[in-house]
Amino acid sequence: MMRALVPRDTGALAASIGWTWGDAPKGALTLGTVKNPREGDEYITIFAGTRDKSLGAADAYYVGFVEFGTKHAKPYPFFYPSYRALKKRVKSRNTREINKALKSAGIKK
């Protein structure tokens, strides 16, 4: 959904939207992290905009300028509106999958 809502000029910002295990790349706007409750050091981070080309992502350090605007440019929010729109659906799917995995492992809630 983020990629569908992001304004396109060169496509670099849309290409920079992604996720990674651990910390977001330098210069990225972080949407959130989901930690593994059993493994304290494992977590997934959702991000957009990065300066780290080693990840294969485009250089899109300006993500904050697009999302929140500047005094010379109006904002074009795409990052947080996508999160808010899909938050309940994603949480529901995660809960369902966790319960399914626990049931198949023979663990009761």
PDB file of N, CA and C in Angstrom:
ATOM      1  N   MET A   1       0.823  -1.183   0.000  1.00  0.00           N
ATOM      2  CA  MET A   1       0.000   0.000   0.000  1.00  0.00           C
ATOM      3  C   MET A   1       0.871   1.253   0.000  1.00  0.00           C
ATOM      4  N   MET A   2       1.972   1.206   0.736  1.00  0.00           N
ATOM      5  CA  MET A   2       2.881   2.364   0.760  1.00  0.00           C
ATOM      6  C   MET A   2       3.396   2.669  -0.638  1.00  0.00           C
ATOM      7  N   ARG A   3       3.799   1.640  -1.343  1.00  0.00           N
ATOM      8  CA  ARG A   3       4.319   1.860  -2.701  1.00  0.00           C
ATOM      9  C   ARG A   3       3.249   2.413  -3.630  1.00  0.00           C
ATOM     10  N   ALA A   4       1.985   2.067  -3.389  1.00  0.00           N
ATOM     11  CA  ALA A   4       0.900   2.585  -4.222  1.00  0.00           C
ATOM     12  C   ALA A   4       0.618   4.058  -3.916  1.00  0.00           C
ATOM     13  N   LEU A   5       0.801   4.470  -2.663  1.00  0.00           N
ATOM     14  CA  LEU A   5       0.494   5.841  -2.258  1.00  0.00           C
ATOM     15  C   LEU A   5       1.645   6.827  -2.438  1.00  0.00           C
ATOM     16  N   VAL A   6       2.864   6.336  -2.521  1.00  0.00           N
ATOM     17  CA  VAL A   6       4.018   7.234  -2.578  1.00  0.00           C
ATOM     18  C   VAL A   6       4.013   8.043  -3.880  1.00  0.00           C
ATOM     19  N   PRO A   7       4.275   9.363  -3.787  1.00  0.00           N
ATOM     20  CA  PRO A   7       4.375  10.143  -5.024  1.00  0.00           C
ATOM     21  C   PRO A   7       5.603   9.694  -5.816  1.00  0.00           C
ATOM     22  N   ARG A   8       5.468   9.646  -7.118  1.00  0.00           N
ATOM     23  CA  ARG A   8       6.559   9.140  -7.955  1.00  0.00           C
ATOM     24  C   ARG A   8       7.146  10.247  -8.814  1.00  0.00           C
ATOM     25  N   ASP A   9       8.446  10.337  -8.737  1.00  0.00           N
ATOM     26  CA  ASP A   9       9.195  11.209  -9.635  1.00  0.00           C
ATOM     27  C   ASP A   9      10.209  10.326 -10.353  1.00  0.00           C
ATOM     28  N   THR A  10      11.160   9.828  -9.581  1.00  0.00           N
ATOM     29  CA  THR A  10      12.149   8.911 -10.158  1.00  0.00           C
ATOM     30  C   THR A  10      11.857   7.457  -9.799  1.00  0.00           C
ATOM     31  N   GLY A  11      11.018   7.240  -8.778  1.00  0.00           N
ATOM     32  CA  GLY A  11      10.738   5.887  -8.309  1.00  0.00           C
ATOM     33  C   GLY A  11      11.683   5.423  -7.223  1.00  0.00           C
ATOM     34  N   ALA A  12      12.664   6.253  -6.864  1.00  0.00           N
ATOM     35  CA  ALA A  12      13.651   5.866  -5.855  1.00  0.00           C
ATOM     36  C   ALA A  12      13.013   5.690  -4.483  1.00  0.00           C
ATOM     37  N   LEU A  13      12.092   6.561  -4.132  1.00  0.00           N
ATOM     38  CA  LEU A  13      11.456   6.462  -2.817  1.00  0.00           C
ATOM     39  C   LEU A  13      10.623   5.190  -2.716  1.00  0.00           C
ATOM     40  N   ALA A  14       9.852   4.878  -3.723  1.00  0.00           N
ATOM     41  CA  ALA A  14       9.057   3.639  -3.722  1.00  0.00           C
ATOM     42  C   ALA A  14       9.970   2.416  -3.642  1.00  0.00           C
ATOM     43  N   ALA A  15      11.097   2.467  -4.316  1.00  0.00           N
ATOM     44  CA  ALA A  15      12.042   1.343  -4.298  1.00  0.00           C
ATOM     45  C   ALA A  15      12.719   1.179  -2.943  1.00  0.00           C
ATOM     46  N   SER A  16      12.754   2.251  -2.143  1.00  0.00           N
ATOM     47  CA  SER A  16      13.439   2.185  -0.852  1.00  0.00           C
ATOM     48  C   SER A  16      12.564   1.623   0.265  1.00  0.00           C
ATOM     49  N   ILE A  17      11.284   1.412   0.015  1.00  0.00           N
ATOM     50  CA  ILE A  17      10.382   0.880   1.032  1.00  0.00           C
ATOM     51  C   ILE A  17      10.668  -0.606   1.213  1.00  0.00           C
ATOM     52  N   GLY A  18      10.859  -1.009   2.460  1.00  0.00           N
ATOM     53  CA  GLY A  18      11.160  -2.416   2.697  1.00  0.00           C
ATOM     54  C   GLY A  18      11.170  -2.772   4.166  1.00  0.00           C
ATOM     55  N   TRP A  19      11.696  -3.937   4.457  1.00  0.00           N
ATOM     56  CA  TRP A  19      11.828  -4.401   5.825  1.00  0.00           C
ATOM     57  C   TRP A  19      13.167  -5.110   5.963  1.00  0.00           C
ATOM     58  N   THR A  20      13.623  -5.245   7.195  1.00  0.00           N
ATOM     59  CA  THR A  20      14.882  -5.916   7.458  1.00  0.00           C
ATOM     60  C   THR A  20      14.857  -6.496   8.859  1.00  0.00           C
ATOM     61  N   TRP A  21      15.671  -7.499   9.102  1.00  0.00           N
ATOM     62  CA  TRP A  21      15.873  -7.995  10.459  1.00  0.00           C
ATOM     63  C   TRP A  21      16.803  -7.025  11.143  1.00  0.00           C
ATOM     64  N   GLY A  22      16.478  -6.595  12.334  1.00  0.00           N
ATOM     65  CA  GLY A  22      17.344  -5.697  13.091  1.00  0.00           C
ATOM     66  C   GLY A  22      17.047  -4.238  12.793  1.00  0.00           C
ATOM     67  N   ASP A  23      18.084  -3.407  12.893  1.00  0.00           N
ATOM     68  CA  ASP A  23      17.920  -1.971  12.734  1.00  0.00           C
ATOM     69  C   ASP A  23      17.698  -1.572  11.280  1.00  0.00           C
ATOM     70  N   ALA A  24      16.978  -0.462  11.108  1.00  0.00           N
ATOM     71  CA  ALA A  24      16.761   0.099   9.770  1.00  0.00           C
ATOM     72  C   ALA A  24      18.062   0.670   9.250  1.00  0.00           C
ATOM     73  N   PRO A  25      18.209   0.792   7.937  1.00  0.00           N
ATOM     74  CA  PRO A  25      19.408   1.386   7.371  1.00  0.00           C
ATOM     75  C   PRO A  25      19.563   2.846   7.793  1.00  0.00           C
ATOM     76  N   LYS A  26      20.764   3.332   7.745  1.00  0.00           N
ATOM     77  CA  LYS A  26      21.058   4.721   8.113  1.00  0.00           C
ATOM     78  C   LYS A  26      20.238   5.674   7.239  1.00  0.00           C
ATOM     79  N   GLY A  27      19.605   6.641   7.890  1.00  0.00           N
ATOM     80  CA  GLY A  27      18.842   7.646   7.176  1.00  0.00           C
ATOM     81  C   GLY A  27      17.418   7.262   6.850  1.00  0.00           C
ATOM     82  N   ALA A  28      16.975   6.082   7.269  1.00  0.00           N
ATOM     83  CA  ALA A  28      15.628   5.614   6.943  1.00  0.00           C
ATOM     84  C   ALA A  28      14.616   6.084   7.980  1.00  0.00           C
ATOM     85  N   LEU A  29      13.392   6.254   7.557  1.00  0.00           N
ATOM     86  CA  LEU A  29      12.273   6.552   8.438  1.00  0.00           C
ATOM     87  C   LEU A  29      11.693   5.211   8.860  1.00  0.00           C
ATOM     88  N   THR A  30      11.643   4.959  10.158  1.00  0.00           N
ATOM     89  CA  THR A  30      11.199   3.668  10.667  1.00  0.00           C
ATOM     90  C   THR A  30       9.733   3.715  11.031  1.00  0.00           C
ATOM     91  N   LEU A  31       8.977   2.802  10.483  1.00  0.00           N
ATOM     92  CA  LEU A  31       7.561   2.691  10.805  1.00  0.00           C
ATOM     93  C   LEU A  31       7.388   1.988  12.132  1.00  0.00           C
ATOM     94  N   GLY A  32       8.077   0.917  12.334  1.00  0.00           N
ATOM     95  CA  GLY A  32       7.944   0.189  13.585  1.00  0.00           C
ATOM     96  C   GLY A  32       8.760  -1.072  13.571  1.00  0.00           C
ATOM     97  N   THR A  33       8.847  -1.676  14.735  1.00  0.00           N
ATOM     98  CA  THR A  33       9.562  -2.938  14.859  1.00  0.00           C
ATOM     99  C   THR A  33       8.644  -3.949  15.520  1.00  0.00           C
ATOM    100  N   VAL A  34       8.804  -5.184  15.160  1.00  0.00           N
ATOM    101  CA  VAL A  34       8.073  -6.280  15.769  1.00  0.00           C
ATOM    102  C   VAL A  34       9.109  -7.219  16.356  1.00  0.00           C
ATOM    103  N   LYS A  35       9.099  -7.350  17.691  1.00  0.00           N
ATOM    104  CA  LYS A  35      10.080  -8.191  18.356  1.00  0.00           C
ATOM    105  C   LYS A  35       9.538  -9.593  18.551  1.00  0.00           C
ATOM    106  N   ASN A  36      10.430 -10.554  18.457  1.00  0.00           N
ATOM    107  CA  ASN A  36      10.098 -11.943  18.734  1.00  0.00           C
ATOM    108  C   ASN A  36      10.015 -12.094  20.250  1.00  0.00           C
ATOM    109  N   PRO A  37       8.859 -12.498  20.797  1.00  0.00           N
ATOM    110  CA  PRO A  37       8.730 -12.570  22.256  1.00  0.00           C
ATOM    111  C   PRO A  37       9.634 -13.620  22.902  1.00  0.00           C
ATOM    112  N   ARG A  38      10.016 -14.633  22.150  1.00  0.00           N
ATOM    113  CA  ARG A  38      10.864 -15.685  22.721  1.00  0.00           C
ATOM    114  C   ARG A  38      12.354 -15.373  22.573  1.00  0.00           C
ATOM    115  N   GLU A  39      12.698 -14.632  21.544  1.00  0.00           N
ATOM    116  CA  GLU A  39      14.092 -14.270  21.288  1.00  0.00           C
ATOM    117  C   GLU A  39      14.206 -12.760  21.398  1.00  0.00           C
ATOM    118  N   GLY A  40      14.693 -12.248  22.504  1.00  0.00           N
ATOM    119  CA  GLY A  40      14.724 -10.824  22.775  1.00  0.00           C
ATOM    120  C   GLY A  40      15.514  -9.992  21.783  1.00  0.00           C
ATOM    121  N   ASP A  41      16.487 -10.574  21.088  1.00  0.00           N
ATOM    122  CA  ASP A  41      17.329  -9.793  20.190  1.00  0.00           C
ATOM    123  C   ASP A  41      16.869  -9.847  18.737  1.00  0.00           C
ATOM    124  N   GLU A  42      15.813 -10.587  18.438  1.00  0.00           N
ATOM    125  CA  GLU A  42      15.299 -10.699  17.074  1.00  0.00           C
ATOM    126  C   GLU A  42      14.135  -9.756  16.863  1.00  0.00           C
ATOM    127  N   TYR A  43      14.200  -8.937  15.812  1.00  0.00           N
ATOM    128  CA  TYR A  43      13.068  -8.081  15.485  1.00  0.00           C
ATOM    129  C   TYR A  43      13.121  -7.662  14.026  1.00  0.00           C
ATOM    130  N   ILE A  44      11.923  -7.347  13.491  1.00  0.00           N
ATOM    131  CA  ILE A  44      11.772  -6.907  12.110  1.00  0.00           C
ATOM    132  C   ILE A  44      11.492  -5.414  12.128  1.00  0.00           C
ATOM    133  N   THR A  45      12.129  -4.674  11.232  1.00  0.00           N
ATOM    134  CA  THR A  45      11.914  -3.243  11.126  1.00  0.00           C
ATOM    135  C   THR A  45      11.392  -2.907   9.731  1.00  0.00           C
ATOM    136  N   ILE A  46      10.318  -2.130   9.674  1.00  0.00           N
ATOM    137  CA  ILE A  46       9.743  -1.664   8.413  1.00  0.00           C
ATOM    138  C   ILE A  46      10.224  -0.234   8.205  1.00  0.00           C
ATOM    139  N   PHE A  47      10.706   0.084   7.002  1.00  0.00           N
ATOM    140  CA  PHE A  47      11.317   1.393   6.782  1.00  0.00           C
ATOM    141  C   PHE A  47      11.085   1.893   5.366  1.00  0.00           C
ATOM    142  N   ALA A  48      11.381   3.163   5.184  1.00  0.00           N
ATOM    143  CA  ALA A  48      11.392   3.782   3.848  1.00  0.00           C
ATOM    144  C   ALA A  48      12.473   4.829   3.838  1.00  0.00           C
ATOM    145  N   GLY A  49      13.130   4.970   2.720  1.00  0.00           N
ATOM    146  CA  GLY A  49      14.189   5.961   2.580  1.00  0.00           C
ATOM    147  C   GLY A  49      15.471   5.474   3.212  1.00  0.00           C
ATOM    148  N   THR A  50      16.535   5.516   2.478  1.00  0.00           N
ATOM    149  CA  THR A  50      17.815   5.047   2.992  1.00  0.00           C
ATOM    150  C   THR A  50      18.958   5.684   2.225  1.00  0.00           C
ATOM    151  N   ARG A  51      20.100   5.692   2.836  1.00  0.00           N
ATOM    152  CA  ARG A  51      21.318   6.117   2.152  1.00  0.00           C
ATOM    153  C   ARG A  51      22.243   4.922   1.938  1.00  0.00           C
ATOM    154  N   ASP A  52      21.809   3.760   2.359  1.00  0.00           N
ATOM    155  CA  ASP A  52      22.627   2.555   2.314  1.00  0.00           C
ATOM    156  C   ASP A  52      22.379   1.782   1.034  1.00  0.00           C
ATOM    157  N   LYS A  53      23.180   2.024   0.007  1.00  0.00           N
ATOM    158  CA  LYS A  53      22.999   1.347  -1.280  1.00  0.00           C
ATOM    159  C   LYS A  53      23.445  -0.112  -1.242  1.00  0.00           C
ATOM    160  N   SER A  54      24.142  -0.508  -0.178  1.00  0.00           N
ATOM    161  CA  SER A  54      24.572  -1.900  -0.084  1.00  0.00           C
ATOM    162  C   SER A  54      23.374  -2.839   0.100  1.00  0.00           C
ATOM    163  N   LEU A  55      22.228  -2.301   0.537  1.00  0.00           N
ATOM    164  CA  LEU A  55      21.023  -3.114   0.677  1.00  0.00           C
ATOM    165  C   LEU A  55      20.298  -3.286  -0.645  1.00  0.00           C
ATOM    166  N   GLY A  56      20.776  -2.642  -1.669  1.00  0.00           N
ATOM    167  CA  GLY A  56      20.117  -2.703  -2.956  1.00  0.00           C
ATOM    168  C   GLY A  56      18.983  -1.702  -3.074  1.00  0.00           C
ATOM    169  N   ALA A  57      18.794  -0.888  -2.052  1.00  0.00           N
ATOM    170  CA  ALA A  57      17.727   0.117  -2.060  1.00  0.00           C
ATOM    171  C   ALA A  57      18.244   1.408  -2.685  1.00  0.00           C
ATOM    172  N   ALA A  58      17.323   2.154  -3.239  1.00  0.00           N
ATOM    173  CA  ALA A  58      17.685   3.423  -3.853  1.00  0.00           C
ATOM    174  C   ALA A  58      17.988   4.462  -2.788  1.00  0.00           C
ATOM    175  N   ASP A  59      18.730   5.480  -3.138  1.00  0.00           N
ATOM    176  CA  ASP A  59      19.044   6.580  -2.248  1.00  0.00           C
ATOM    177  C   ASP A  59      17.815   7.476  -2.137  1.00  0.00           C
ATOM    178  N   ALA A  60      17.147   7.449  -0.994  1.00  0.00           N
ATOM    179  CA  ALA A  60      15.921   8.230  -0.811  1.00  0.00           C
ATOM    180  C   ALA A  60      15.909   8.856   0.580  1.00  0.00           C
ATOM    181  N   TYR A  61      16.983   9.575   0.904  1.00  0.00           N
ATOM    182  CA  TYR A  61      17.134  10.204   2.204  1.00  0.00           C
ATOM    183  C   TYR A  61      16.039  11.225   2.491  1.00  0.00           C
ATOM    184  N   TYR A  62      15.341  11.682   1.475  1.00  0.00           N
ATOM    185  CA  TYR A  62      14.359  12.763   1.582  1.00  0.00           C
ATOM    186  C   TYR A  62      12.975  12.282   1.986  1.00  0.00           C
ATOM    187  N   VAL A  63      12.848  11.040   2.457  1.00  0.00           N
ATOM    188  CA  VAL A  63      11.550  10.475   2.803  1.00  0.00           C
ATOM    189  C   VAL A  63      10.787  11.350   3.796  1.00  0.00           C
ATOM    190  N   GLY A  64      11.441  11.902   4.773  1.00  0.00           N
ATOM    191  CA  GLY A  64      10.786  12.764   5.754  1.00  0.00           C
ATOM    192  C   GLY A  64      10.243  14.041   5.148  1.00  0.00           C
ATOM    193  N   PHE A  65      10.944  14.576   4.160  1.00  0.00           N
ATOM    194  CA  PHE A  65      10.481  15.799   3.490  1.00  0.00           C
ATOM    195  C   PHE A  65       9.182  15.523   2.736  1.00  0.00           C
ATOM    196  N   VAL A  66       9.086  14.344   2.126  1.00  0.00           N
ATOM    197  CA  VAL A  66       7.890  13.981   1.377  1.00  0.00           C
ATOM    198  C   VAL A  66       6.736  13.696   2.335  1.00  0.00           C
ATOM    199  N   GLU A  67       6.993  12.903   3.359  1.00  0.00           N
ATOM    200  CA  GLU A  67       5.942  12.495   4.300  1.00  0.00           C
ATOM    201  C   GLU A  67       5.387  13.675   5.103  1.00  0.00           C
ATOM    202  N   PHE A  68       6.266  14.526   5.608  1.00  0.00           N
ATOM    203  CA  PHE A  68       5.848  15.592   6.519  1.00  0.00           C
ATOM    204  C   PHE A  68       5.859  16.987   5.900  1.00  0.00           C
ATOM    205  N   GLY A  69       6.440  17.137   4.726  1.00  0.00           N
ATOM    206  CA  GLY A  69       6.512  18.434   4.061  1.00  0.00           C
ATOM    207  C   GLY A  69       7.651  19.297   4.604  1.00  0.00           C
ATOM    208  N   THR A  70       7.841  20.431   3.981  1.00  0.00           N
ATOM    209  CA  THR A  70       8.820  21.426   4.422  1.00  0.00           C
ATOM    210  C   THR A  70       8.122  22.782   4.366  1.00  0.00           C
ATOM    211  N   LYS A  71       8.846  23.821   4.691  1.00  0.00           N
ATOM    212  CA  LYS A  71       8.191  25.129   4.621  1.00  0.00           C
ATOM    213  C   LYS A  71       7.967  25.553   3.170  1.00  0.00           C
ATOM    214  N   HIS A  72       8.627  24.879   2.221  1.00  0.00           N
ATOM    215  CA  HIS A  72       8.472  25.205   0.801  1.00  0.00           C
ATOM    216  C   HIS A  72       7.655  24.173   0.014  1.00  0.00           C
ATOM    217  N   ALA A  73       7.355  23.046   0.643  1.00  0.00           N
ATOM    218  CA  ALA A  73       6.630  21.983  -0.064  1.00  0.00           C
ATOM    219  C   ALA A  73       5.592  21.367   0.864  1.00  0.00           C
ATOM    220  N   LYS A  74       4.411  21.098   0.334  1.00  0.00           N
ATOM    221  CA  LYS A  74       3.370  20.499   1.159  1.00  0.00           C
ATOM    222  C   LYS A  74       3.645  19.006   1.367  1.00  0.00           C
ATOM    223  N   PRO A  75       3.118  18.442   2.450  1.00  0.00           N
ATOM    224  CA  PRO A  75       3.354  17.011   2.716  1.00  0.00           C
ATOM    225  C   PRO A  75       2.521  16.110   1.810  1.00  0.00           C
ATOM    226  N   TYR A  76       3.081  14.946   1.507  1.00  0.00           N
ATOM    227  CA  TYR A  76       2.381  13.887   0.784  1.00  0.00           C
ATOM    228  C   TYR A  76       2.489  12.618   1.621  1.00  0.00           C
ATOM    229  N   PRO A  77       1.663  12.522   2.670  1.00  0.00           N
ATOM    230  CA  PRO A  77       1.778  11.353   3.545  1.00  0.00           C
ATOM    231  C   PRO A  77       1.414  10.048   2.840  1.00  0.00           C
ATOM    232  N   PHE A  78       2.275   9.069   2.983  1.00  0.00           N
ATOM    233  CA  PHE A  78       2.038   7.736   2.412  1.00  0.00           C
ATOM    234  C   PHE A  78       2.431   6.651   3.401  1.00  0.00           C
ATOM    235  N   PHE A  79       3.371   6.950   4.260  1.00  0.00           N
ATOM    236  CA  PHE A  79       3.969   5.967   5.153  1.00  0.00           C
ATOM    237  C   PHE A  79       3.034   5.625   6.314  1.00  0.00           C
ATOM    238  N   TYR A  80       2.709   6.600   7.134  1.00  0.00           N
ATOM    239  CA  TYR A  80       1.868   6.365   8.298  1.00  0.00           C
ATOM    240  C   TYR A  80       0.395   6.132   7.952  1.00  0.00           C
ATOM    241  N   PRO A  81      -0.177   6.772   6.933  1.00  0.00           N
ATOM    242  CA  PRO A  81      -1.555   6.421   6.570  1.00  0.00           C
ATOM    243  C   PRO A  81      -1.698   4.944   6.170  1.00  0.00           C
ATOM    244  N   SER A  82      -0.707   4.392   5.489  1.00  0.00           N
ATOM    245  CA  SER A  82      -0.738   2.972   5.129  1.00  0.00           C
ATOM    246  C   SER A  82      -0.712   2.106   6.379  1.00  0.00           C
ATOM    247  N   TYR A  83       0.137   2.478   7.308  1.00  0.00           N
ATOM    248  CA  TYR A  83       0.238   1.743   8.567  1.00  0.00           C
ATOM    249  C   TYR A  83      -1.088   1.757   9.314  1.00  0.00           C
ATOM    250  N   ARG A  84      -1.667   2.935   9.456  1.00  0.00           N
ATOM    251  CA  ARG A  84      -2.927   3.051  10.195  1.00  0.00           C
ATOM    252  C   ARG A  84      -4.062   2.292   9.496  1.00  0.00           C
ATOM    253  N   ALA A  85      -4.084   2.303   8.181  1.00  0.00           N
ATOM    254  CA  ALA A  85      -5.149   1.629   7.437  1.00  0.00           C
ATOM    255  C   ALA A  85      -5.070   0.108   7.560  1.00  0.00           C
ATOM    256  N   LEU A  86      -3.869  -0.428   7.657  1.00  0.00           N
ATOM    257  CA  LEU A  86      -3.699  -1.887   7.653  1.00  0.00           C
ATOM    258  C   LEU A  86      -3.355  -2.482   9.009  1.00  0.00           C
ATOM    259  N   LYS A  87      -3.238  -1.645  10.037  1.00  0.00           N
ATOM    260  CA  LYS A  87      -2.786  -2.104  11.352  1.00  0.00           C
ATOM    261  C   LYS A  87      -3.662  -3.222  11.917  1.00  0.00           C
ATOM    262  N   LYS A  88      -4.978  -3.061  11.907  1.00  0.00           N
ATOM    263  CA  LYS A  88      -5.872  -4.083  12.473  1.00  0.00           C
ATOM    264  C   LYS A  88      -5.789  -5.386  11.691  1.00  0.00           C
ATOM    265  N   ARG A  89      -5.749  -5.294  10.370  1.00  0.00           N
ATOM    266  CA  ARG A  89      -5.686  -6.490   9.529  1.00  0.00           C
ATOM    267  C   ARG A  89      -4.394  -7.270   9.775  1.00  0.00           C
ATOM    268  N   VAL A  90      -3.276  -6.562   9.843  1.00  0.00           N
ATOM    269  CA  VAL A  90      -1.986  -7.225  10.061  1.00  0.00           C
ATOM    270  C   VAL A  90      -1.932  -7.849  11.446  1.00  0.00           C
ATOM    271  N   LYS A  91      -2.414  -7.127  12.451  1.00  0.00           N
ATOM    272  CA  LYS A  91      -2.404  -7.672  13.813  1.00  0.00           C
ATOM    273  C   LYS A  91      -3.273  -8.933  13.885  1.00  0.00           C
ATOM    274  N   SER A  92      -4.428  -8.891  13.253  1.00  0.00           N
ATOM    275  CA  SER A  92      -5.321 -10.045  13.243  1.00  0.00           C
ATOM    276  C   SER A  92      -4.668 -11.248  12.569  1.00  0.00           C
ATOM    277  N   ARG A  93      -4.036 -11.024  11.434  1.00  0.00           N
ATOM    278  CA  ARG A  93      -3.357 -12.128  10.732  1.00  0.00           C
ATOM    279  C   ARG A  93      -2.208 -12.691  11.555  1.00  0.00           C
ATOM    280  N   ASN A  94      -1.436 -11.815  12.192  1.00  0.00           N
ATOM    281  CA  ASN A  94      -0.331 -12.283  13.033  1.00  0.00           C
ATOM    282  C   ASN A  94      -0.847 -13.129  14.191  1.00  0.00           C
ATOM    283  N   THR A  95      -1.897 -12.650  14.863  1.00  0.00           N
ATOM    284  CA  THR A  95      -2.473 -13.386  15.981  1.00  0.00           C
ATOM    285  C   THR A  95      -2.980 -14.745  15.530  1.00  0.00           C
ATOM    286  N   ARG A  96      -3.661 -14.780  14.401  1.00  0.00           N
ATOM    287  CA  ARG A  96      -4.199 -16.029  13.867  1.00  0.00           C
ATOM    288  C   ARG A  96      -3.065 -17.021  13.571  1.00  0.00           C
ATOM    289  N   GLU A  97      -1.999 -16.554  12.947  1.00  0.00           N
ATOM    290  CA  GLU A  97      -0.877 -17.436  12.610  1.00  0.00           C
ATOM    291  C   GLU A  97      -0.148 -17.924  13.863  1.00  0.00           C
ATOM    292  N   ILE A  98      -0.010 -17.058  14.852  1.00  0.00           N
ATOM    293  CA  ILE A  98       0.646 -17.464  16.106  1.00  0.00           C
ATOM    294  C   ILE A  98      -0.184 -18.542  16.785  1.00  0.00           C
ATOM    295  N   ASN A  99      -1.496 -18.325  16.867  1.00  0.00           N
ATOM    296  CA  ASN A  99      -2.375 -19.319  17.493  1.00  0.00           C
ATOM    297  C   ASN A  99      -2.352 -20.641  16.735  1.00  0.00           C
ATOM    298  N   LYS A 100      -2.323 -20.572  15.420  1.00  0.00           N
ATOM    299  CA  LYS A 100      -2.257 -21.785  14.602  1.00  0.00           C
ATOM    300  C   LYS A 100      -0.952 -22.550  14.863  1.00  0.00           C
ATOM    301  N   ALA A 101       0.152 -21.820  14.958  1.00  0.00           N
ATOM    302  CA  ALA A 101       1.449 -22.455  15.214  1.00  0.00           C
ATOM    303  C   ALA A 101       1.488 -23.070  16.608  1.00  0.00           C
ATOM    304  N   LEU A 102       0.925 -22.370  17.590  1.00  0.00           N
ATOM    305  CA  LEU A 102       0.898 -22.910  18.950  1.00  0.00           C
ATOM    306  C   LEU A 102       0.035 -24.174  19.008  1.00  0.00           C
ATOM    307  N   LYS A 103      -1.098 -24.159  18.322  1.00  0.00           N
ATOM    308  CA  LYS A 103      -1.999 -25.316  18.309  1.00  0.00           C
ATOM    309  C   LYS A 103      -1.315 -26.511  17.659  1.00  0.00           C
ATOM    310  N   SER A 104      -0.635 -26.293  16.537  1.00  0.00           N
ATOM    311  CA  SER A 104       0.041 -27.403  15.852  1.00  0.00           C
ATOM    312  C   SER A 104       1.226 -27.930  16.660  1.00  0.00           C
ATOM    313  N   ALA A 105       1.778 -27.091  17.535  1.00  0.00           N
ATOM    314  CA  ALA A 105       2.885 -27.530  18.383  1.00  0.00           C
ATOM    315  C   ALA A 105       2.375 -28.178  19.672  1.00  0.00           C
ATOM    316  N   GLY A 106       1.047 -28.157  19.856  1.00  0.00           N
ATOM    317  CA  GLY A 106       0.469 -28.785  21.058  1.00  0.00           C
ATOM    318  C   GLY A 106       0.532 -27.914  22.289  1.00  0.00           C
ATOM    319  N   ILE A 107       0.721 -26.613  22.109  1.00  0.00           N
ATOM    320  CA  ILE A 107       0.794 -25.680  23.231  1.00  0.00           C
ATOM    321  C   ILE A 107      -0.555 -24.992  23.385  1.00  0.00           C
ATOM    322  N   LYS A 108      -1.091 -25.006  24.599  1.00  0.00           N
ATOM    323  CA  LYS A 108      -2.378 -24.355  24.857  1.00  0.00           C
ATOM    324  C   LYS A 108      -2.146 -22.913  25.252  1.00  0.00           C
ATOM    325  N   LYS A 109      -3.134 -22.069  24.917  1.00  0.00           N
ATOM    326  CA  LYS A 109      -3.036 -20.641  25.267  1.00  0.00           C
ATOM    327  C   LYS A 109      -3.095 -20.444  26.757  1.00  0.00           C
TER     328      LYS A 109
END
